[in-house]
Amino acid sequence: MSVSHLSALKSRHADLDAKIANEERRPSPDTALVAQMKKQKLRIKEEMAATA
């Protein structure tokens, strides 16, 4: 995979990390949304590991 694809994955991973942190700081976080975002973040991390 290209360097730009890896950069895009890293950017999406960081974006999801921020969104998860913001959701978890809410008084009543949406646990289903947090779980979905964590799974998506893990898939991105696995894809990054496979391309490295």
N, C-alpha and C. Protein backbone atom coordinates (compact mmCIF):
# COMPACT_ATOMS: atom_id res chain seq x y z
N MET A 1 0.84 -1.18 0.00
CA MET A 1 0.00 0.00 0.00
C MET A 1 0.88 1.24 0.00
N SER A 2 0.32 2.31 -0.47
CA SER A 2 1.09 3.53 -0.58
C SER A 2 1.18 4.26 0.76
N VAL A 3 2.14 5.15 0.80
CA VAL A 3 2.36 5.95 2.01
C VAL A 3 1.13 6.83 2.28
N SER A 4 0.51 7.33 1.22
CA SER A 4 -0.66 8.19 1.40
C SER A 4 -1.83 7.40 1.99
N HIS A 5 -1.96 6.13 1.61
CA HIS A 5 -3.02 5.30 2.18
C HIS A 5 -2.77 5.09 3.67
N LEU A 6 -1.53 4.82 4.04
CA LEU A 6 -1.18 4.63 5.44
C LEU A 6 -1.42 5.92 6.22
N SER A 7 -1.09 7.05 5.63
CA SER A 7 -1.34 8.34 6.29
C SER A 7 -2.82 8.56 6.50
N ALA A 8 -3.62 8.19 5.51
CA ALA A 8 -5.07 8.34 5.63
C ALA A 8 -5.61 7.44 6.75
N LEU A 9 -5.10 6.22 6.83
CA LEU A 9 -5.52 5.32 7.90
C LEU A 9 -5.16 5.88 9.27
N LYS A 10 -3.95 6.41 9.39
CA LYS A 10 -3.52 7.00 10.66
C LYS A 10 -4.41 8.18 11.03
N SER A 11 -4.77 8.97 10.05
CA SER A 11 -5.64 10.13 10.29
C SER A 11 -7.02 9.67 10.75
N ARG A 12 -7.59 8.67 10.08
CA ARG A 12 -8.90 8.14 10.47
C ARG A 12 -8.85 7.54 11.87
N HIS A 13 -7.73 6.85 12.19
CA HIS A 13 -7.55 6.24 13.50
C HIS A 13 -7.53 7.32 14.58
N ALA A 14 -6.78 8.39 14.35
CA ALA A 14 -6.69 9.48 15.32
C ALA A 14 -8.03 10.19 15.46
N ASP A 15 -8.75 10.35 14.35
CA ASP A 15 -10.05 10.99 14.38
C ASP A 15 -11.04 10.16 15.21
N LEU A 16 -11.03 8.88 15.00
CA LEU A 16 -11.92 8.00 15.79
C LEU A 16 -11.54 8.05 17.26
N ASP A 17 -10.25 8.09 17.56
CA ASP A 17 -9.79 8.15 18.94
C ASP A 17 -10.35 9.40 19.62
N ALA A 18 -10.31 10.52 18.92
CA ALA A 18 -10.84 11.77 19.47
C ALA A 18 -12.35 11.69 19.66
N LYS A 19 -13.04 11.11 18.67
CA LYS A 19 -14.50 10.99 18.77
C LYS A 19 -14.90 10.09 19.94
N ILE A 20 -14.16 9.01 20.12
CA ILE A 20 -14.44 8.10 21.24
C ILE A 20 -14.23 8.82 22.56
N ALA A 21 -13.13 9.54 22.68
CA ALA A 21 -12.84 10.28 23.92
C ALA A 21 -13.93 11.31 24.20
N ASN A 22 -14.36 12.03 23.16
CA ASN A 22 -15.42 13.03 23.35
C ASN A 22 -16.72 12.38 23.79
N GLU A 23 -17.07 11.27 23.18
CA GLU A 23 -18.32 10.58 23.54
C GLU A 23 -18.25 10.06 24.98
N GLU A 24 -17.10 9.52 25.37
CA GLU A 24 -16.96 8.96 26.72
C GLU A 24 -16.99 10.04 27.79
N ARG A 25 -16.68 11.29 27.44
CA ARG A 25 -16.71 12.39 28.40
C ARG A 25 -18.11 12.94 28.61
N ARG A 26 -19.03 12.60 27.73
CA ARG A 26 -20.41 13.08 27.88
C ARG A 26 -21.03 12.50 29.14
N PRO A 27 -21.99 13.22 29.72
CA PRO A 27 -22.65 12.71 30.94
C PRO A 27 -23.31 11.35 30.74
N SER A 28 -23.92 11.15 29.59
CA SER A 28 -24.56 9.87 29.27
C SER A 28 -24.06 9.40 27.91
N PRO A 29 -22.87 8.80 27.89
CA PRO A 29 -22.33 8.38 26.59
C PRO A 29 -23.17 7.28 25.96
N ASP A 30 -23.22 7.29 24.65
CA ASP A 30 -23.92 6.27 23.87
C ASP A 30 -22.97 5.07 23.77
N THR A 31 -23.19 4.07 24.61
CA THR A 31 -22.27 2.94 24.68
C THR A 31 -22.25 2.13 23.38
N ALA A 32 -23.38 2.06 22.70
CA ALA A 32 -23.41 1.32 21.42
C ALA A 32 -22.56 2.05 20.39
N LEU A 33 -22.64 3.36 20.36
CA LEU A 33 -21.84 4.15 19.42
C LEU A 33 -20.36 4.02 19.75
N VAL A 34 -20.03 4.07 21.03
CA VAL A 34 -18.63 3.93 21.45
C VAL A 34 -18.10 2.56 21.04
N ALA A 35 -18.88 1.52 21.26
CA ALA A 35 -18.46 0.17 20.89
C ALA A 35 -18.25 0.06 19.38
N GLN A 36 -19.15 0.65 18.61
CA GLN A 36 -19.04 0.62 17.15
C GLN A 36 -17.77 1.35 16.71
N MET A 37 -17.50 2.51 17.29
CA MET A 37 -16.32 3.27 16.91
C MET A 37 -15.03 2.54 17.31
N LYS A 38 -15.05 1.87 18.46
CA LYS A 38 -13.88 1.11 18.89
C LYS A 38 -13.59 -0.06 17.94
N LYS A 39 -14.64 -0.71 17.47
CA LYS A 39 -14.45 -1.81 16.52
C LYS A 39 -13.89 -1.29 15.20
N GLN A 40 -14.41 -0.15 14.76
CA GLN A 40 -13.92 0.46 13.53
C GLN A 40 -12.45 0.87 13.70
N LYS A 41 -12.12 1.41 14.85
CA LYS A 41 -10.74 1.82 15.14
C LYS A 41 -9.81 0.60 15.12
N LEU A 42 -10.28 -0.51 15.68
CA LEU A 42 -9.48 -1.73 15.69
C LEU A 42 -9.26 -2.26 14.28
N ARG A 43 -10.29 -2.21 13.43
CA ARG A 43 -10.13 -2.66 12.04
C ARG A 43 -9.09 -1.80 11.32
N ILE A 44 -9.12 -0.51 11.57
CA ILE A 44 -8.14 0.39 10.94
C ILE A 44 -6.74 0.07 11.45
N LYS A 45 -6.62 -0.17 12.75
CA LYS A 45 -5.32 -0.51 13.33
C LYS A 45 -4.79 -1.81 12.72
N GLU A 46 -5.66 -2.79 12.54
CA GLU A 46 -5.23 -4.06 11.94
C GLU A 46 -4.81 -3.86 10.50
N GLU A 47 -5.50 -3.00 9.77
CA GLU A 47 -5.14 -2.72 8.40
C GLU A 47 -3.78 -2.01 8.33
N MET A 48 -3.56 -1.10 9.28
CA MET A 48 -2.26 -0.41 9.32
C MET A 48 -1.14 -1.40 9.60
N ALA A 49 -1.37 -2.33 10.53
CA ALA A 49 -0.37 -3.32 10.87
C ALA A 49 -0.07 -4.23 9.68
N ALA A 50 -1.09 -4.54 8.91
CA ALA A 50 -0.91 -5.42 7.76
C ALA A 50 -0.11 -4.73 6.64
N THR A 51 -0.21 -3.41 6.56
CA THR A 51 0.49 -2.68 5.50
C THR A 51 1.89 -2.28 5.90
N ALA A 52 2.19 -2.31 7.18
CA ALA A 52 3.52 -1.87 7.64
C ALA A 52 4.57 -2.93 7.43
